[in-house]
C-alpha atoms as a PDB file:
ATOM      1  CA  ALA A   1      76.002  92.722 106.096  1.00  0.00           C
ATOM      2  CA  GLY A   2      74.525  89.291 105.494  1.00  0.00           C
ATOM      3  CA  LYS A   3      76.509  88.757 102.282  1.00  0.00           C
ATOM      4  CA  ARG A   4      78.736  85.912 101.101  1.00  0.00           C
ATOM      5  CA  VAL A   5      82.130  87.500 100.497  1.00  0.00           C
ATOM      6  CA  ALA A   6      85.083  86.423  98.377  1.00  0.00           C
ATOM      7  CA  LEU A   7      88.392  88.127  99.095  1.00  0.00           C
ATOM      8  CA  VAL A   8      90.894  88.827  96.306  1.00  0.00           C
ATOM      9  CA  THR A   9      94.158  89.330  98.160  1.00  0.00           C
ATOM     10  CA  ASN A  10      97.730  88.362  98.894  1.00  0.00           C
ATOM     11  CA  HIS A  11     100.409  89.035 101.522  1.00  0.00           C
ATOM     12  CA  THR A  12      99.971  92.808 101.123  1.00  0.00           C
ATOM     13  CA  GLY A  13      96.426  92.672 102.513  1.00  0.00           C
ATOM     14  CA  VAL A  14      97.116  93.564 106.145  1.00  0.00           C
ATOM     15  CA  ASP A  15      95.543  96.004 108.578  1.00  0.00           C
ATOM     16  CA  SER A  16      97.305  98.640 110.674  1.00  0.00           C
ATOM     17  CA  GLN A  17      98.106  96.042 113.352  1.00  0.00           C
ATOM     18  CA  GLY A  18      99.675  93.682 110.806  1.00  0.00           C
ATOM     19  CA  ARG A  19      96.789  91.176 110.803  1.00  0.00           C
ATOM     20  CA  THR A  20      95.980  89.589 107.454  1.00  0.00           C
ATOM     21  CA  ASN A  21      92.688  90.593 105.929  1.00  0.00           C
ATOM     22  CA  ILE A  22      91.884  86.879 105.657  1.00  0.00           C
ATOM     23  CA  ASP A  23      92.007  86.554 109.454  1.00  0.00           C
ATOM     24  CA  VAL A  24      90.091  89.811 109.955  1.00  0.00           C
ATOM     25  CA  PHE A  25      87.352  88.853 107.472  1.00  0.00           C
ATOM     26  CA  ALA A  26      87.081  85.251 108.705  1.00  0.00           C
ATOM     27  CA  GLY A  27      86.477  86.528 112.245  1.00  0.00           C
ATOM     28  CA  ARG A  28      83.545  88.797 111.309  1.00  0.00           C
ATOM     29  CA  LYS A  29      79.949  87.852 112.158  1.00  0.00           C
ATOM     30  CA  GLU A  30      78.210  90.465 109.940  1.00  0.00           C
ATOM     31  CA  PHE A  31      79.065  88.614 106.722  1.00  0.00           C
ATOM     32  CA  ARG A  32      80.450  85.242 105.711  1.00  0.00           C
ATOM     33  CA  LEU A  33      83.845  84.826 104.031  1.00  0.00           C
ATOM     34  CA  VAL A  34      83.303  81.970 101.559  1.00  0.00           C
ATOM     35  CA  ALA A  35      86.289  82.014  99.176  1.00  0.00           C
ATOM     36  CA  LEU A  36      89.716  83.467  98.503  1.00  0.00           C
ATOM     37  CA  PHE A  37      91.223  84.464  95.164  1.00  0.00           C
ATOM     38  CA  SER A  38      94.969  84.747  94.685  1.00  0.00           C
ATOM     39  CA  PRO A  39      96.876  86.792  92.078  1.00  0.00           C
ATOM     40  CA  GLU A  40     100.355  86.240  90.650  1.00  0.00           C
ATOM     41  CA  HIS A  41     102.729  84.883  93.323  1.00  0.00           C
ATOM     42  CA  GLY A  42      99.846  83.276  95.254  1.00  0.00           C
ATOM     43  CA  ILE A  43      97.869  84.123  98.363  1.00  0.00           C
ATOM     44  CA  ARG A  44     101.009  84.383 100.533  1.00  0.00           C
ATOM     45  CA  GLY A  45     103.218  85.998  97.849  1.00  0.00           C
ATOM     46  CA  ALA A  46     105.672  83.082  97.794  1.00  0.00           C
ATOM     47  CA  GLU A  47     105.121  81.507  94.341  1.00  0.00           C
ATOM     48  CA  ASP A  48     107.349  82.256  91.356  1.00  0.00           C
ATOM     49  CA  SER A  49     105.443  80.391  88.658  1.00  0.00           C
ATOM     50  CA  SER A  50     101.899  79.414  87.747  1.00  0.00           C
ATOM     51  CA  VAL A  51      99.711  79.186  90.854  1.00  0.00           C
ATOM     52  CA  THR A  52      97.227  76.359  91.379  1.00  0.00           C
ATOM     53  CA  ASN A  53      93.917  76.272  93.226  1.00  0.00           C
ATOM     54  CA  GLY A  54      94.061  75.073  96.786  1.00  0.00           C
ATOM     55  CA  LYS A  55      92.742  75.422 100.283  1.00  0.00           C
ATOM     56  CA  ASP A  56      93.731  77.948 102.936  1.00  0.00           C
ATOM     57  CA  GLU A  57      95.388  76.055 105.781  1.00  0.00           C
ATOM     58  CA  LYS A  58      94.032  78.265 108.552  1.00  0.00           C
ATOM     59  CA  THR A  59      90.433  78.853 107.452  1.00  0.00           C
ATOM     60  CA  GLY A  60      89.829  75.803 105.259  1.00  0.00           C
ATOM     61  CA  LEU A  61      88.401  78.087 102.548  1.00  0.00           C
ATOM     62  CA  PRO A  62      88.947  77.385  98.855  1.00  0.00           C
ATOM     63  CA  VAL A  63      91.697  79.463  97.255  1.00  0.00           C
ATOM     64  CA  TYR A  64      91.099  80.058  93.555  1.00  0.00           C
ATOM     65  CA  SER A  65      94.145  81.008  91.528  1.00  0.00           C
ATOM     66  CA  LEU A  66      93.874  83.888  89.083  1.00  0.00           C
ATOM     67  CA  TYR A  67      97.405  83.240  87.857  1.00  0.00           C
ATOM     68  CA  GLY A  68      97.368  79.774  86.366  1.00  0.00           C
ATOM     69  CA  LYS A  69      94.941  78.107  83.990  1.00  0.00           C
ATOM     70  CA  THR A  70      92.382  80.754  84.949  1.00  0.00           C
ATOM     71  CA  ARG A  71      93.007  84.502  85.090  1.00  0.00           C
ATOM     72  CA  LYS A  72      89.384  85.617  85.464  1.00  0.00           C
ATOM     73  CA  PRO A  73      86.875  84.254  88.019  1.00  0.00           C
ATOM     74  CA  THR A  74      84.498  81.751  86.433  1.00  0.00           C
ATOM     75  CA  ALA A  75      80.768  81.317  86.997  1.00  0.00           C
ATOM     76  CA  GLU A  76      81.497  78.183  89.044  1.00  0.00           C
ATOM     77  CA  MET A  77      83.967  80.036  91.294  1.00  0.00           C
ATOM     78  CA  LEU A  78      81.404  82.797  91.872  1.00  0.00           C
ATOM     79  CA  ARG A  79      78.344  80.575  92.331  1.00  0.00           C
ATOM     80  CA  ASP A  80      78.158  81.056  96.121  1.00  0.00           C
ATOM     81  CA  VAL A  81      79.519  84.641  96.180  1.00  0.00           C
ATOM     82  CA  ASP A  82      77.587  87.917  96.504  1.00  0.00           C
ATOM     83  CA  VAL A  83      80.476  90.384  96.821  1.00  0.00           C
ATOM     84  CA  LEU A  84      84.114  90.344  95.712  1.00  0.00           C
ATOM     85  CA  VAL A  85      86.443  92.422  97.910  1.00  0.00           C
ATOM     86  CA  PHE A  86      89.757  93.395  96.295  1.00  0.00           C
ATOM     87  CA  ASP A  87      92.589  94.257  98.709  1.00  0.00           C
ATOM     88  CA  ILE A  88      96.032  94.191  97.104  1.00  0.00           C
ATOM     89  CA  GLN A  89      98.785  96.822  97.236  1.00  0.00           C
ATOM     90  CA  ASP A  90      99.829  98.091  93.796  1.00  0.00           C
ATOM     91  CA  VAL A  91     103.285  99.487  92.957  1.00  0.00           C
ATOM     92  CA  GLY A  92     102.182 102.414  90.796  1.00  0.00           C
ATOM     93  CA  ALA A  93     103.308 101.033  87.419  1.00  0.00           C
ATOM     94  CA  ARG A  94     101.200  99.854  84.470  1.00  0.00           C
ATOM     95  CA  PHE A  95     102.908  96.493  84.008  1.00  0.00           C
ATOM     96  CA  TYR A  96     102.176  95.225  87.510  1.00  0.00           C
ATOM     97  CA  THR A  97      99.824  92.269  87.015  1.00  0.00           C
ATOM     98  CA  TYR A  98      97.741  92.933  90.128  1.00  0.00           C
ATOM     99  CA  ILE A  99      95.910  95.787  88.402  1.00  0.00           C
ATOM    100  CA  THR A 100      95.116  93.504  85.459  1.00  0.00           C
ATOM    101  CA  THR A 101      93.712  91.009  87.962  1.00  0.00           C
ATOM    102  CA  LEU A 102      91.572  93.851  89.323  1.00  0.00           C
ATOM    103  CA  ALA A 103      90.214  94.623  85.838  1.00  0.00           C
ATOM    104  CA  LEU A 104      89.475  90.947  85.124  1.00  0.00           C
ATOM    105  CA  VAL A 105      87.719  90.524  88.485  1.00  0.00           C
ATOM    106  CA  MET A 106      85.593  93.558  87.678  1.00  0.00           C
ATOM    107  CA  GLU A 107      84.746  92.189  84.225  1.00  0.00           C
ATOM    108  CA  SER A 108      83.728  88.846  85.704  1.00  0.00           C
ATOM    109  CA  ALA A 109      81.626  90.568  88.361  1.00  0.00           C
ATOM    110  CA  LYS A 110      79.795  92.489  85.650  1.00  0.00           C
ATOM    111  CA  GLU A 111      79.198  89.298  83.635  1.00  0.00           C
ATOM    112  CA  HIS A 112      77.853  87.396  86.655  1.00  0.00           C
ATOM    113  CA  GLY A 113      75.937  90.137  88.492  1.00  0.00           C
ATOM    114  CA  LYS A 114      78.276  90.438  91.485  1.00  0.00           C
ATOM    115  CA  LYS A 115      79.373  93.549  93.372  1.00  0.00           C
ATOM    116  CA  VAL A 116      83.042  94.566  93.696  1.00  0.00           C
ATOM    117  CA  VAL A 117      84.399  96.453  96.708  1.00  0.00           C
ATOM    118  CA  VAL A 118      87.938  97.802  96.392  1.00  0.00           C
ATOM    119  CA  LEU A 119      89.810  98.640  99.583  1.00  0.00           C
ATOM    120  CA  ASP A 120      91.981 101.529  98.439  1.00  0.00           C
ATOM    121  CA  ARG A 121      95.691 101.626  99.211  1.00  0.00           C
ATOM    122  CA  PRO A 122      98.359 104.291  98.620  1.00  0.00           C
ATOM    123  CA  ASN A 123     100.257 104.675  95.395  1.00  0.00           C
ATOM    124  CA  PRO A 124     103.725 103.983  96.849  1.00  0.00           C
ATOM    125  CA  ILE A 125     105.507 106.241  94.354  1.00  0.00           C
ATOM    126  CA  CYS A 126     103.095 109.133  95.029  1.00  0.00           C
ATOM    127  CA  GLY A 127     100.041 110.303  93.164  1.00  0.00           C
ATOM    128  CA  GLU A 128     101.383 113.565  91.773  1.00  0.00           C
ATOM    129  CA  VAL A 129     103.649 112.252  89.029  1.00  0.00           C
ATOM    130  CA  VAL A 130     102.532 110.633  85.766  1.00  0.00           C
ATOM    131  CA  GLU A 131     105.313 109.476  83.449  1.00  0.00           C
ATOM    132  CA  GLY A 132     105.928 107.371  80.377  1.00  0.00           C
ATOM    133  CA  PRO A 133     103.981 106.628  77.245  1.00  0.00           C
ATOM    134  CA  ILE A 134     100.403 105.421  77.092  1.00  0.00           C
ATOM    135  CA  LEU A 135     100.347 101.832  75.908  1.00  0.00           C
ATOM    136  CA  GLU A 136     100.106 101.443  72.133  1.00  0.00           C
ATOM    137  CA  GLU A 137      96.906  99.857  70.892  1.00  0.00           C
ATOM    138  CA  ALA A 138      98.688  96.816  69.411  1.00  0.00           C
ATOM    139  CA  LEU A 139     100.133  95.980  72.838  1.00  0.00           C
ATOM    140  CA  ARG A 140      96.907  96.280  74.860  1.00  0.00           C
ATOM    141  CA  GLY A 141      95.131  93.314  76.384  1.00  0.00           C
ATOM    142  CA  GLY A 142      98.186  91.452  77.676  1.00  0.00           C
ATOM    143  CA  PHE A 143      98.423  90.426  81.317  1.00  0.00           C
ATOM    144  CA  ALA A 144     101.167  92.981  82.010  1.00  0.00           C
ATOM    145  CA  SER A 145      99.668  95.598  79.691  1.00  0.00           C
ATOM    146  CA  TYR A 146      95.899  95.402  79.835  1.00  0.00           C
ATOM    147  CA  HIS A 147      94.652  98.996  79.606  1.00  0.00           C
ATOM    148  CA  PRO A 148      96.036 102.127  77.881  1.00  0.00           C
ATOM    149  CA  ILE A 149      97.489 103.961  80.853  1.00  0.00           C
ATOM    150  CA  PRO A 150     100.920 105.597  81.269  1.00  0.00           C
ATOM    151  CA  THR A 151     103.826 103.561  82.609  1.00  0.00           C
ATOM    152  CA  ARG A 152     103.731 105.484  85.896  1.00  0.00           C
ATOM    153  CA  HIS A 153     100.005 106.090  86.242  1.00  0.00           C
ATOM    154  CA  GLY A 154      99.861 108.223  89.423  1.00  0.00           C
ATOM    155  CA  MET A 155      96.662 106.578  90.697  1.00  0.00           C
ATOM    156  CA  THR A 156      95.671 104.472  93.662  1.00  0.00           C
ATOM    157  CA  VAL A 157      94.103 101.028  93.231  1.00  0.00           C
ATOM    158  CA  GLY A 158      90.690 102.526  93.976  1.00  0.00           C
ATOM    159  CA  GLU A 159      91.179 105.286  91.426  1.00  0.00           C
ATOM    160  CA  LEU A 160      92.246 102.714  88.835  1.00  0.00           C
ATOM    161  CA  ALA A 161      89.088 100.698  89.561  1.00  0.00           C
ATOM    162  CA  LEU A 162      86.956 103.803  88.982  1.00  0.00           C
ATOM    163  CA  LEU A 163      88.858 104.553  85.760  1.00  0.00           C
ATOM    164  CA  PHE A 164      88.478 100.974  84.483  1.00  0.00           C
ATOM    165  CA  ASN A 165      84.786 100.957  85.342  1.00  0.00           C
ATOM    166  CA  SER A 166      83.888 104.224  83.628  1.00  0.00           C
ATOM    167  CA  GLU A 167      86.476 105.088  80.967  1.00  0.00           C
ATOM    168  CA  PHE A 168      87.136 101.518  79.858  1.00  0.00           C
ATOM    169  CA  ALA A 169      83.431 100.645  80.121  1.00  0.00           C
ATOM    170  CA  ILE A 170      83.488  97.653  82.457  1.00  0.00           C
ATOM    171  CA  GLY A 171      80.361  98.957  84.184  1.00  0.00           C
ATOM    172  CA  CYS A 172      80.256  96.612  87.175  1.00  0.00           C
ATOM    173  CA  GLN A 173      78.593  97.448  90.477  1.00  0.00           C
ATOM    174  CA  LEU A 174      81.608  99.046  92.198  1.00  0.00           C
ATOM    175  CA  GLU A 175      82.296 100.575  95.589  1.00  0.00           C
ATOM    176  CA  VAL A 176      85.678 101.996  96.569  1.00  0.00           C
ATOM    177  CA  VAL A 177      86.450 102.275 100.276  1.00  0.00           C
ATOM    178  CA  LYS A 178      88.613 105.384 100.334  1.00  0.00           C
ATOM    179  CA  MET A 179      91.715 105.854 102.440  1.00  0.00           C
ATOM    180  CA  GLU A 180      92.007 108.335 105.258  1.00  0.00           C
ATOM    181  CA  GLY A 181      95.105 110.443 105.765  1.00  0.00           C
ATOM    182  CA  TRP A 182      96.871 109.776 102.458  1.00  0.00           C
ATOM    183  CA  LYS A 183      98.079 112.776 100.480  1.00  0.00           C
ATOM    184  CA  ARG A 184      98.977 112.571  96.776  1.00  0.00           C
ATOM    185  CA  SER A 185     102.468 113.916  97.541  1.00  0.00           C
ATOM    186  CA  MET A 186     103.311 110.974  99.843  1.00  0.00           C
ATOM    187  CA  TYR A 187     105.810 108.284  98.969  1.00  0.00           C
ATOM    188  CA  PHE A 188     105.249 104.958 100.718  1.00  0.00           C
ATOM    189  CA  ASP A 189     107.842 105.525 103.446  1.00  0.00           C
ATOM    190  CA  GLU A 190     105.870 108.609 104.511  1.00  0.00           C
ATOM    191  CA  THR A 191     102.665 106.637 105.136  1.00  0.00           C
ATOM    192  CA  GLY A 192     103.898 104.749 108.215  1.00  0.00           C
ATOM    193  CA  LEU A 193     102.472 101.539 106.742  1.00  0.00           C
ATOM    194  CA  PRO A 194     104.396  98.253 106.581  1.00  0.00           C
END
């Protein structure tokens, strides 16, 4: 309440009625949505190359690209932000760039004294199976291979955020809003979500 919020999201950030989180957040009176951050493929998931900064047509808010010249929020981008909310659906595989964006957002938040709130979402290929090798040290740090986790990691986005924060020593102020009703054995088609 009373905070200036930046939303890190894309087309997967929808509620149970199919409304975009941008629309839901922009309509709230308890806090003020002040900026949007977009990952690979842009805020609407329609870009196939480098994404540029822009402005959201509906809200008029600035949209900062984290998949172009900048991959990590800068001090200037965060100047008028108190809290970064991350709401993007992962696919359950290490090389998906959205989880690297999560780690970089968390690092930037730590560097600039901002809080991160992760809205947890299901692992679509279930949370009971972990498969594949852990990333070799020489390959770590790339955008599609940032942290040493197995190929199929078996974690939710919120669990990954907690792992990054503690085991990989990011140490930002982090809150994970946990899901209700999800079981580790569920595949995405069993969740009833779009």
